[in-house]
ModelCIF file with pLDDT and N, C-alpha, C, O atoms, coordinates in Angstrom:
data_MODEL
#
_entry.id   MODEL 
#
_entity.id                         1 
_entity.type                       polymer 
_entity.pdbx_number_of_molecules   1 
#
_entity_poly.entity_id                      1 
_entity_poly.type                           'polypeptide(L)' 
_entity_poly.nstd_linkage                   no 
_entity_poly.nstd_monomer                   no 
_entity_poly.pdbx_seq_one_letter_code       
;(UNK)(UNK)(UNK)(UNK)(UNK)(UNK)(UNK)(UNK)(UNK)(UNK)(UNK)(UNK)(UNK)(UNK)(UNK)(UNK)
(UNK)(UNK)(UNK)(UNK)(UNK)(UNK)(UNK)(UNK)(UNK)(UNK)(UNK)(UNK)(UNK)(UNK)(UNK)(UNK)
(UNK)(UNK)(UNK)(UNK)(UNK)(UNK)(UNK)(UNK)(UNK)(UNK)(UNK)
;
_entity_poly.pdbx_seq_one_letter_code_can   XXXXXXXXXXXXXXXXXXXXXXXXXXXXXXXXXXXXXXXXXXX 
_entity_poly.pdbx_strand_id                 A 
#
loop_
_entity_poly_seq.entity_id 
_entity_poly_seq.num 
_entity_poly_seq.mon_id 
_entity_poly_seq.hetero 
1 1  UNK n 
1 2  UNK n 
1 3  UNK n 
1 4  UNK n 
1 5  UNK n 
1 6  UNK n 
1 7  UNK n 
1 8  UNK n 
1 9  UNK n 
1 10 UNK n 
1 11 UNK n 
1 12 UNK n 
1 13 UNK n 
1 14 UNK n 
1 15 UNK n 
1 16 UNK n 
1 17 UNK n 
1 18 UNK n 
1 19 UNK n 
1 20 UNK n 
1 21 UNK n 
1 22 UNK n 
1 23 UNK n 
1 24 UNK n 
1 25 UNK n 
1 26 UNK n 
1 27 UNK n 
1 28 UNK n 
1 29 UNK n 
1 30 UNK n 
1 31 UNK n 
1 32 UNK n 
1 33 UNK n 
1 34 UNK n 
1 35 UNK n 
1 36 UNK n 
1 37 UNK n 
1 38 UNK n 
1 39 UNK n 
1 40 UNK n 
1 41 UNK n 
1 42 UNK n 
1 43 UNK n 
#
_struct_asym.id          A 
_struct_asym.entity_id   1 
#
loop_
_ma_qa_metric.id 
_ma_qa_metric.mode 
_ma_qa_metric.name 
_ma_qa_metric.software_group_id 
_ma_qa_metric.type 
1 global pLDDT . pLDDT 
2 local  pLDDT . pLDDT 
#
_ma_qa_metric_global.metric_id      1 
_ma_qa_metric_global.metric_value   97.14 
_ma_qa_metric_global.model_id       1 
_ma_qa_metric_global.ordinal_id     1 
#
loop_
_ma_qa_metric_local.label_asym_id 
_ma_qa_metric_local.label_comp_id 
_ma_qa_metric_local.label_seq_id 
_ma_qa_metric_local.metric_id 
_ma_qa_metric_local.metric_value 
_ma_qa_metric_local.model_id 
_ma_qa_metric_local.ordinal_id 
A UNK 1  2 98.00 1 1  
A UNK 2  2 98.00 1 2  
A UNK 3  2 98.00 1 3  
A UNK 4  2 98.00 1 4  
A UNK 5  2 98.00 1 5  
A UNK 6  2 98.00 1 6  
A UNK 7  2 98.00 1 7  
A UNK 8  2 98.00 1 8  
A UNK 9  2 97.00 1 9  
A UNK 10 2 97.00 1 10 
A UNK 11 2 98.00 1 11 
A UNK 12 2 97.00 1 12 
A UNK 13 2 97.00 1 13 
A UNK 14 2 98.00 1 14 
A UNK 15 2 98.00 1 15 
A UNK 16 2 97.00 1 16 
A UNK 17 2 98.00 1 17 
A UNK 18 2 98.00 1 18 
A UNK 19 2 98.00 1 19 
A UNK 20 2 97.00 1 20 
A UNK 21 2 98.00 1 21 
A UNK 22 2 98.00 1 22 
A UNK 23 2 97.00 1 23 
A UNK 24 2 96.00 1 24 
A UNK 25 2 97.00 1 25 
A UNK 26 2 96.00 1 26 
A UNK 27 2 96.00 1 27 
A UNK 28 2 96.00 1 28 
A UNK 29 2 96.00 1 29 
A UNK 30 2 96.00 1 30 
A UNK 31 2 97.00 1 31 
A UNK 32 2 97.00 1 32 
A UNK 33 2 97.00 1 33 
A UNK 34 2 97.00 1 34 
A UNK 35 2 98.00 1 35 
A UNK 36 2 97.00 1 36 
A UNK 37 2 97.00 1 37 
A UNK 38 2 97.00 1 38 
A UNK 39 2 97.00 1 39 
A UNK 40 2 96.00 1 40 
A UNK 41 2 96.00 1 41 
A UNK 42 2 95.00 1 42 
A UNK 43 2 96.00 1 43 
#
loop_
_atom_site.group_PDB 
_atom_site.id 
_atom_site.type_symbol 
_atom_site.label_atom_id 
_atom_site.label_alt_id 
_atom_site.label_comp_id 
_atom_site.label_asym_id 
_atom_site.label_entity_id 
_atom_site.label_seq_id 
_atom_site.pdbx_PDB_ins_code 
_atom_site.Cartn_x 
_atom_site.Cartn_y 
_atom_site.Cartn_z 
_atom_site.occupancy 
_atom_site.B_iso_or_equiv 
_atom_site.pdbx_formal_charge 
_atom_site.auth_seq_id 
_atom_site.auth_comp_id 
_atom_site.auth_asym_id 
_atom_site.auth_atom_id 
_atom_site.pdbx_PDB_model_num 
ATOM 1   N N  . UNK A 1 1  ? 144.961 96.566  26.021 1.00 98.00 ? 1  UNK A N  1 
ATOM 2   C CA . UNK A 1 1  ? 144.013 96.176  27.067 1.00 98.00 ? 1  UNK A CA 1 
ATOM 3   C C  . UNK A 1 1  ? 144.301 96.940  28.356 1.00 98.00 ? 1  UNK A C  1 
ATOM 4   O O  . UNK A 1 1  ? 143.383 97.425  29.017 1.00 98.00 ? 1  UNK A O  1 
ATOM 5   N N  . UNK A 1 2  ? 145.585 97.043  28.709 1.00 98.00 ? 2  UNK A N  1 
ATOM 6   C CA . UNK A 1 2  ? 145.965 97.796  29.909 1.00 98.00 ? 2  UNK A CA 1 
ATOM 7   C C  . UNK A 1 2  ? 145.619 99.274  29.747 1.00 98.00 ? 2  UNK A C  1 
ATOM 8   O O  . UNK A 1 2  ? 145.206 99.925  30.707 1.00 98.00 ? 2  UNK A O  1 
ATOM 9   N N  . UNK A 1 3  ? 145.786 99.801  28.539 1.00 98.00 ? 3  UNK A N  1 
ATOM 10  C CA . UNK A 1 3  ? 145.488 101.212 28.286 1.00 98.00 ? 3  UNK A CA 1 
ATOM 11  C C  . UNK A 1 3  ? 143.997 101.489 28.427 1.00 98.00 ? 3  UNK A C  1 
ATOM 12  O O  . UNK A 1 3  ? 143.612 102.529 28.961 1.00 98.00 ? 3  UNK A O  1 
ATOM 13  N N  . UNK A 1 4  ? 143.150 100.569 27.954 1.00 98.00 ? 4  UNK A N  1 
ATOM 14  C CA . UNK A 1 4  ? 141.707 100.774 28.095 1.00 98.00 ? 4  UNK A CA 1 
ATOM 15  C C  . UNK A 1 4  ? 141.285 100.766 29.566 1.00 98.00 ? 4  UNK A C  1 
ATOM 16  O O  . UNK A 1 4  ? 140.401 101.525 29.963 1.00 98.00 ? 4  UNK A O  1 
ATOM 17  N N  . UNK A 1 5  ? 141.915 99.912  30.372 1.00 98.00 ? 5  UNK A N  1 
ATOM 18  C CA . UNK A 1 5  ? 141.623 99.901  31.813 1.00 98.00 ? 5  UNK A CA 1 
ATOM 19  C C  . UNK A 1 5  ? 142.000 101.248 32.429 1.00 98.00 ? 5  UNK A C  1 
ATOM 20  O O  . UNK A 1 5  ? 141.257 101.799 33.241 1.00 98.00 ? 5  UNK A O  1 
ATOM 21  N N  . UNK A 1 6  ? 143.161 101.770 32.033 1.00 98.00 ? 6  UNK A N  1 
ATOM 22  C CA . UNK A 1 6  ? 143.623 103.077 32.502 1.00 98.00 ? 6  UNK A CA 1 
ATOM 23  C C  . UNK A 1 6  ? 142.614 104.172 32.156 1.00 98.00 ? 6  UNK A C  1 
ATOM 24  O O  . UNK A 1 6  ? 142.283 105.007 32.998 1.00 98.00 ? 6  UNK A O  1 
ATOM 25  N N  . UNK A 1 7  ? 142.127 104.163 30.914 1.00 98.00 ? 7  UNK A N  1 
ATOM 26  C CA . UNK A 1 7  ? 141.163 105.182 30.492 1.00 98.00 ? 7  UNK A CA 1 
ATOM 27  C C  . UNK A 1 7  ? 139.845 105.050 31.245 1.00 98.00 ? 7  UNK A C  1 
ATOM 28  O O  . UNK A 1 7  ? 139.257 106.056 31.642 1.00 98.00 ? 7  UNK A O  1 
ATOM 29  N N  . UNK A 1 8  ? 139.379 103.831 31.443 1.00 98.00 ? 8  UNK A N  1 
ATOM 30  C CA . UNK A 1 8  ? 138.113 103.617 32.136 1.00 98.00 ? 8  UNK A CA 1 
ATOM 31  C C  . UNK A 1 8  ? 138.189 104.066 33.592 1.00 98.00 ? 8  UNK A C  1 
ATOM 32  O O  . UNK A 1 8  ? 137.216 104.592 34.132 1.00 98.00 ? 8  UNK A O  1 
ATOM 33  N N  . UNK A 1 9  ? 139.345 103.860 34.232 1.00 97.00 ? 9  UNK A N  1 
ATOM 34  C CA . UNK A 1 9  ? 139.498 104.327 35.609 1.00 97.00 ? 9  UNK A CA 1 
ATOM 35  C C  . UNK A 1 9  ? 139.468 105.854 35.667 1.00 97.00 ? 9  UNK A C  1 
ATOM 36  O O  . UNK A 1 9  ? 138.899 106.433 36.592 1.00 97.00 ? 9  UNK A O  1 
ATOM 37  N N  . UNK A 1 10 ? 140.081 106.502 34.678 1.00 97.00 ? 10 UNK A N  1 
ATOM 38  C CA . UNK A 1 10 ? 140.049 107.966 34.642 1.00 97.00 ? 10 UNK A CA 1 
ATOM 39  C C  . UNK A 1 10 ? 138.632 108.468 34.371 1.00 97.00 ? 10 UNK A C  1 
ATOM 40  O O  . UNK A 1 10 ? 138.214 109.488 34.918 1.00 97.00 ? 10 UNK A O  1 
ATOM 41  N N  . UNK A 1 11 ? 137.903 107.753 33.531 1.00 98.00 ? 11 UNK A N  1 
ATOM 42  C CA . UNK A 1 11 ? 136.521 108.141 33.276 1.00 98.00 ? 11 UNK A CA 1 
ATOM 43  C C  . UNK A 1 11 ? 135.688 108.001 34.550 1.00 98.00 ? 11 UNK A C  1 
ATOM 44  O O  . UNK A 1 11 ? 134.868 108.866 34.859 1.00 98.00 ? 11 UNK A O  1 
ATOM 45  N N  . UNK A 1 12 ? 135.898 106.922 35.280 1.00 97.00 ? 12 UNK A N  1 
ATOM 46  C CA . UNK A 1 12 ? 135.156 106.731 36.525 1.00 97.00 ? 12 UNK A CA 1 
ATOM 47  C C  . UNK A 1 12 ? 135.481 107.833 37.525 1.00 97.00 ? 12 UNK A C  1 
ATOM 48  O O  . UNK A 1 12 ? 134.592 108.337 38.211 1.00 97.00 ? 12 UNK A O  1 
ATOM 49  N N  . UNK A 1 13 ? 136.753 108.204 37.606 1.00 97.00 ? 13 UNK A N  1 
ATOM 50  C CA . UNK A 1 13 ? 137.137 109.277 38.520 1.00 97.00 ? 13 UNK A CA 1 
ATOM 51  C C  . UNK A 1 13 ? 136.487 110.596 38.119 1.00 97.00 ? 13 UNK A C  1 
ATOM 52  O O  . UNK A 1 13 ? 136.001 111.338 38.972 1.00 97.00 ? 13 UNK A O  1 
ATOM 53  N N  . UNK A 1 14 ? 136.480 110.887 36.814 1.00 98.00 ? 14 UNK A N  1 
ATOM 54  C CA . UNK A 1 14 ? 135.846 112.115 36.336 1.00 98.00 ? 14 UNK A CA 1 
ATOM 55  C C  . UNK A 1 14 ? 134.350 112.104 36.628 1.00 98.00 ? 14 UNK A C  1 
ATOM 56  O O  . UNK A 1 14 ? 133.783 113.134 36.992 1.00 98.00 ? 14 UNK A O  1 
ATOM 57  N N  . UNK A 1 15 ? 133.705 110.946 36.471 1.00 98.00 ? 15 UNK A N  1 
ATOM 58  C CA . UNK A 1 15 ? 132.279 110.827 36.774 1.00 98.00 ? 15 UNK A CA 1 
ATOM 59  C C  . UNK A 1 15 ? 132.006 111.097 38.253 1.00 98.00 ? 15 UNK A C  1 
ATOM 60  O O  . UNK A 1 15 ? 131.077 111.831 38.591 1.00 98.00 ? 15 UNK A O  1 
ATOM 61  N N  . UNK A 1 16 ? 132.816 110.503 39.132 1.00 97.00 ? 16 UNK A N  1 
ATOM 62  C CA . UNK A 1 16 ? 132.603 110.678 40.568 1.00 97.00 ? 16 UNK A CA 1 
ATOM 63  C C  . UNK A 1 16 ? 132.826 112.132 40.982 1.00 97.00 ? 16 UNK A C  1 
ATOM 64  O O  . UNK A 1 16 ? 132.079 112.668 41.801 1.00 97.00 ? 16 UNK A O  1 
ATOM 65  N N  . UNK A 1 17 ? 133.859 112.773 40.414 1.00 98.00 ? 17 UNK A N  1 
ATOM 66  C CA . UNK A 1 17 ? 134.126 114.170 40.753 1.00 98.00 ? 17 UNK A CA 1 
ATOM 67  C C  . UNK A 1 17 ? 133.054 115.090 40.174 1.00 98.00 ? 17 UNK A C  1 
ATOM 68  O O  . UNK A 1 17 ? 132.710 116.102 40.784 1.00 98.00 ? 17 UNK A O  1 
ATOM 69  N N  . UNK A 1 18 ? 132.525 114.742 38.998 1.00 98.00 ? 18 UNK A N  1 
ATOM 70  C CA . UNK A 1 18 ? 131.422 115.517 38.417 1.00 98.00 ? 18 UNK A CA 1 
ATOM 71  C C  . UNK A 1 18 ? 130.202 115.471 39.335 1.00 98.00 ? 18 UNK A C  1 
ATOM 72  O O  . UNK A 1 18 ? 129.579 116.501 39.594 1.00 98.00 ? 18 UNK A O  1 
ATOM 73  N N  . UNK A 1 19 ? 129.862 114.287 39.823 1.00 98.00 ? 19 UNK A N  1 
ATOM 74  C CA . UNK A 1 19 ? 128.721 114.151 40.730 1.00 98.00 ? 19 UNK A CA 1 
ATOM 75  C C  . UNK A 1 19 ? 128.954 114.980 41.987 1.00 98.00 ? 19 UNK A C  1 
ATOM 76  O O  . UNK A 1 19 ? 128.056 115.690 42.441 1.00 98.00 ? 19 UNK A O  1 
ATOM 77  N N  . UNK A 1 20 ? 130.149 114.891 42.547 1.00 97.00 ? 20 UNK A N  1 
ATOM 78  C CA . UNK A 1 20 ? 130.466 115.661 43.753 1.00 97.00 ? 20 UNK A CA 1 
ATOM 79  C C  . UNK A 1 20 ? 130.332 117.160 43.500 1.00 97.00 ? 20 UNK A C  1 
ATOM 80  O O  . UNK A 1 20 ? 129.762 117.889 44.312 1.00 97.00 ? 20 UNK A O  1 
ATOM 81  N N  . UNK A 1 21 ? 130.868 117.615 42.355 1.00 98.00 ? 21 UNK A N  1 
ATOM 82  C CA . UNK A 1 21 ? 130.809 119.049 42.040 1.00 98.00 ? 21 UNK A CA 1 
ATOM 83  C C  . UNK A 1 21 ? 129.371 119.517 41.844 1.00 98.00 ? 21 UNK A C  1 
ATOM 84  O O  . UNK A 1 21 ? 129.013 120.610 42.283 1.00 98.00 ? 21 UNK A O  1 
ATOM 85  N N  . UNK A 1 22 ? 128.547 118.707 41.191 1.00 98.00 ? 22 UNK A N  1 
ATOM 86  C CA . UNK A 1 22 ? 127.144 119.081 40.969 1.00 98.00 ? 22 UNK A CA 1 
ATOM 87  C C  . UNK A 1 22 ? 126.400 119.202 42.308 1.00 98.00 ? 22 UNK A C  1 
ATOM 88  O O  . UNK A 1 22 ? 125.639 120.147 42.515 1.00 98.00 ? 22 UNK A O  1 
ATOM 89  N N  . UNK A 1 23 ? 126.621 118.251 43.202 1.00 97.00 ? 23 UNK A N  1 
ATOM 90  C CA . UNK A 1 23 ? 125.942 118.301 44.507 1.00 97.00 ? 23 UNK A CA 1 
ATOM 91  C C  . UNK A 1 23 ? 126.436 119.493 45.313 1.00 97.00 ? 23 UNK A C  1 
ATOM 92  O O  . UNK A 1 23 ? 125.641 120.191 45.942 1.00 97.00 ? 23 UNK A O  1 
ATOM 93  N N  . UNK A 1 24 ? 127.729 119.727 45.297 1.00 96.00 ? 24 UNK A N  1 
ATOM 94  C CA . UNK A 1 24 ? 128.283 120.875 46.014 1.00 96.00 ? 24 UNK A CA 1 
ATOM 95  C C  . UNK A 1 24 ? 127.714 122.198 45.497 1.00 96.00 ? 24 UNK A C  1 
ATOM 96  O O  . UNK A 1 24 ? 127.517 123.143 46.261 1.00 96.00 ? 24 UNK A O  1 
ATOM 97  N N  . UNK A 1 25 ? 127.455 122.248 44.196 1.00 97.00 ? 25 UNK A N  1 
ATOM 98  C CA . UNK A 1 25 ? 126.966 123.504 43.606 1.00 97.00 ? 25 UNK A CA 1 
ATOM 99  C C  . UNK A 1 25 ? 125.464 123.697 43.809 1.00 97.00 ? 25 UNK A C  1 
ATOM 100 O O  . UNK A 1 25 ? 124.891 124.675 43.330 1.00 97.00 ? 25 UNK A O  1 
ATOM 101 N N  . UNK A 1 26 ? 124.823 122.754 44.524 1.00 96.00 ? 26 UNK A N  1 
ATOM 102 C CA . UNK A 1 26 ? 123.411 122.893 44.849 1.00 96.00 ? 26 UNK A CA 1 
ATOM 103 C C  . UNK A 1 26 ? 122.460 122.225 43.872 1.00 96.00 ? 26 UNK A C  1 
ATOM 104 O O  . UNK A 1 26 ? 121.253 122.458 43.933 1.00 96.00 ? 26 UNK A O  1 
ATOM 105 N N  . UNK A 1 27 ? 122.980 121.401 42.975 1.00 96.00 ? 27 UNK A N  1 
ATOM 106 C CA . UNK A 1 27 ? 122.134 120.747 41.976 1.00 96.00 ? 27 UNK A CA 1 
ATOM 107 C C  . UNK A 1 27 ? 121.785 119.316 42.401 1.00 96.00 ? 27 UNK A C  1 
ATOM 108 O O  . UNK A 1 27 ? 121.696 118.420 41.561 1.00 96.00 ? 27 UNK A O  1 
ATOM 109 N N  . UNK A 1 28 ? 121.588 119.107 43.707 1.00 96.00 ? 28 UNK A N  1 
ATOM 110 C CA . UNK A 1 28 ? 121.323 117.753 44.197 1.00 96.00 ? 28 UNK A CA 1 
ATOM 111 C C  . UNK A 1 28 ? 120.013 117.185 43.656 1.00 96.00 ? 28 UNK A C  1 
ATOM 112 O O  . UNK A 1 28 ? 119.934 115.997 43.347 1.00 96.00 ? 28 UNK A O  1 
ATOM 113 N N  . UNK A 1 29 ? 118.990 118.023 43.541 1.00 96.00 ? 29 UNK A N  1 
ATOM 114 C CA . UNK A 1 29 ? 117.707 117.521 43.020 1.00 96.00 ? 29 UNK A CA 1 
ATOM 115 C C  . UNK A 1 29 ? 117.843 117.101 41.551 1.00 96.00 ? 29 UNK A C  1 
ATOM 116 O O  . UNK A 1 29 ? 117.312 116.071 41.135 1.00 96.00 ? 29 UNK A O  1 
ATOM 117 N N  . UNK A 1 30 ? 118.562 117.914 40.777 1.00 96.00 ? 30 UNK A N  1 
ATOM 118 C CA . UNK A 1 30 ? 118.746 117.592 39.368 1.00 96.00 ? 30 UNK A CA 1 
ATOM 119 C C  . UNK A 1 30 ? 119.543 116.301 39.160 1.00 96.00 ? 30 UNK A C  1 
ATOM 120 O O  . UNK A 1 30 ? 119.413 115.653 38.122 1.00 96.00 ? 30 UNK A O  1 
ATOM 121 N N  . UNK A 1 31 ? 120.360 115.931 40.138 1.00 97.00 ? 31 UNK A N  1 
ATOM 122 C CA . UNK A 1 31 ? 121.209 114.751 39.999 1.00 97.00 ? 31 UNK A CA 1 
ATOM 123 C C  . UNK A 1 31 ? 120.521 113.467 40.432 1.00 97.00 ? 31 UNK A C  1 
ATOM 124 O O  . UNK A 1 31 ? 121.072 112.384 40.231 1.00 97.00 ? 31 UNK A O  1 
ATOM 125 N N  . UNK A 1 32 ? 119.334 113.554 41.021 1.00 97.00 ? 32 UNK A N  1 
ATOM 126 C CA . UNK A 1 32 ? 118.688 112.349 41.546 1.00 97.00 ? 32 UNK A CA 1 
ATOM 127 C C  . UNK A 1 32 ? 118.408 111.326 40.447 1.00 97.00 ? 32 UNK A C  1 
ATOM 128 O O  . UNK A 1 32 ? 118.645 110.134 40.643 1.00 97.00 ? 32 UNK A O  1 
ATOM 129 N N  . UNK A 1 33 ? 117.911 111.770 39.308 1.00 97.00 ? 33 UNK A N  1 
ATOM 130 C CA . UNK A 1 33 ? 117.629 110.839 38.217 1.00 97.00 ? 33 UNK A CA 1 
ATOM 131 C C  . UNK A 1 33 ? 118.887 110.158 37.716 1.00 97.00 ? 33 UNK A C  1 
ATOM 132 O O  . UNK A 1 33 ? 118.894 108.952 37.471 1.00 97.00 ? 33 UNK A O  1 
ATOM 133 N N  . UNK A 1 34 ? 119.960 110.937 37.565 1.00 97.00 ? 34 UNK A N  1 
ATOM 134 C CA . UNK A 1 34 ? 121.252 110.374 37.128 1.00 97.00 ? 34 UNK A CA 1 
ATOM 135 C C  . UNK A 1 34 ? 121.736 109.343 38.122 1.00 97.00 ? 34 UNK A C  1 
ATOM 136 O O  . UNK A 1 34 ? 122.154 108.251 37.736 1.00 97.00 ? 34 UNK A O  1 
ATOM 137 N N  . UNK A 1 35 ? 121.684 109.680 39.400 1.00 98.00 ? 35 UNK A N  1 
ATOM 138 C CA . UNK A 1 35 ? 122.196 108.780 40.429 1.00 98.00 ? 35 UNK A CA 1 
ATOM 139 C C  . UNK A 1 35 ? 121.336 107.530 40.568 1.00 98.00 ? 35 UNK A C  1 
ATOM 140 O O  . UNK A 1 35 ? 121.862 106.441 40.801 1.00 98.00 ? 35 UNK A O  1 
ATOM 141 N N  . UNK A 1 36 ? 120.029 107.672 40.429 1.00 97.00 ? 36 UNK A N  1 
ATOM 142 C CA . UNK A 1 36 ? 119.150 106.496 40.467 1.00 97.00 ? 36 UNK A CA 1 
ATOM 143 C C  . UNK A 1 36 ? 119.513 105.541 39.325 1.00 97.00 ? 36 UNK A C  1 
ATOM 144 O O  . UNK A 1 36 ? 119.593 104.327 39.511 1.00 97.00 ? 36 UNK A O  1 
ATOM 145 N N  . UNK A 1 37 ? 119.728 106.113 38.153 1.00 97.00 ? 37 UNK A N  1 
ATOM 146 C CA . UNK A 1 37 ? 120.065 105.293 36.993 1.00 97.00 ? 37 UNK A CA 1 
ATOM 147 C C  . UNK A 1 37 ? 121.414 104.598 37.177 1.00 97.00 ? 37 UNK A C  1 
ATOM 148 O O  . UNK A 1 37 ? 121.558 103.415 36.867 1.00 97.00 ? 37 UNK A O  1 
ATOM 149 N N  . UNK A 1 38 ? 122.404 105.344 37.686 1.00 97.00 ? 38 UNK A N  1 
ATOM 150 C CA . UNK A 1 38 ? 123.744 104.774 37.865 1.00 97.00 ? 38 UNK A CA 1 
ATOM 151 C C  . UNK A 1 38 ? 123.753 103.676 38.920 1.00 97.00 ? 38 UNK A C  1 
ATOM 152 O O  . UNK A 1 38 ? 124.408 102.650 38.738 1.00 97.00 ? 38 UNK A O  1 
ATOM 153 N N  . UNK A 1 39 ? 123.033 103.878 40.023 1.00 97.00 ? 39 UNK A N  1 
ATOM 154 C CA . UNK A 1 39 ? 123.022 102.855 41.069 1.00 97.00 ? 39 UNK A CA 1 
ATOM 155 C C  . UNK A 1 39 ? 122.230 101.625 40.648 1.00 97.00 ? 39 UNK A C  1 
ATOM 156 O O  . UNK A 1 39 ? 122.525 100.515 41.093 1.00 97.00 ? 39 UNK A O  1 
ATOM 157 N N  . UNK A 1 40 ? 121.242 101.810 39.805 1.00 96.00 ? 40 UNK A N  1 
ATOM 158 C CA . UNK A 1 40 ? 120.520 100.646 39.274 1.00 96.00 ? 40 UNK A CA 1 
ATOM 159 C C  . UNK A 1 40 ? 121.429 99.815  38.381 1.00 96.00 ? 40 UNK A C  1 
ATOM 160 O O  . UNK A 1 40 ? 121.399 98.585  38.420 1.00 96.00 ? 40 UNK A O  1 
ATOM 161 N N  . UNK A 1 41 ? 122.246 100.503 37.571 1.00 96.00 ? 41 UNK A N  1 
ATOM 162 C CA . UNK A 1 41 ? 123.172 99.792  36.681 1.00 96.00 ? 41 UNK A CA 1 
ATOM 163 C C  . UNK A 1 41 ? 124.373 99.220  37.436 1.00 96.00 ? 41 UNK A C  1 
ATOM 164 O O  . UNK A 1 41 ? 124.983 98.248  36.991 1.00 96.00 ? 41 UNK A O  1 
ATOM 165 N N  . UNK A 1 42 ? 124.714 99.828  38.587 1.00 95.00 ? 42 UNK A N  1 
ATOM 166 C CA . UNK A 1 42 ? 125.880 99.388  39.373 1.00 95.00 ? 42 UNK A CA 1 
ATOM 167 C C  . UNK A 1 42 ? 125.449 99.212  40.827 1.00 95.00 ? 42 UNK A C  1 
ATOM 168 O O  . UNK A 1 42 ? 125.821 100.018 41.679 1.00 95.00 ? 42 UNK A O  1 
ATOM 169 N N  . UNK A 1 43 ? 124.667 98.168  41.124 1.00 96.00 ? 43 UNK A N  1 
ATOM 170 C CA . UNK A 1 43 ? 123.992 98.078  42.429 1.00 96.00 ? 43 UNK A CA 1 
ATOM 171 C C  . UNK A 1 43 ? 124.929 97.927  43.626 1.00 96.00 ? 43 UNK A C  1 
ATOM 172 O O  . UNK A 1 43 ? 124.468 97.843  44.764 1.00 96.00 ? 43 UNK A O  1 
#
């Protein structure tokens, strides 16, 4: 159970850094749908 929490936190960190990298690289418009979906699921 502790190991799954560890993995999920790493996945969340990778997701957040992926979003940051995509926006930095100029793909902000392409990320809008992804971000809308994620914020709807995690309000």
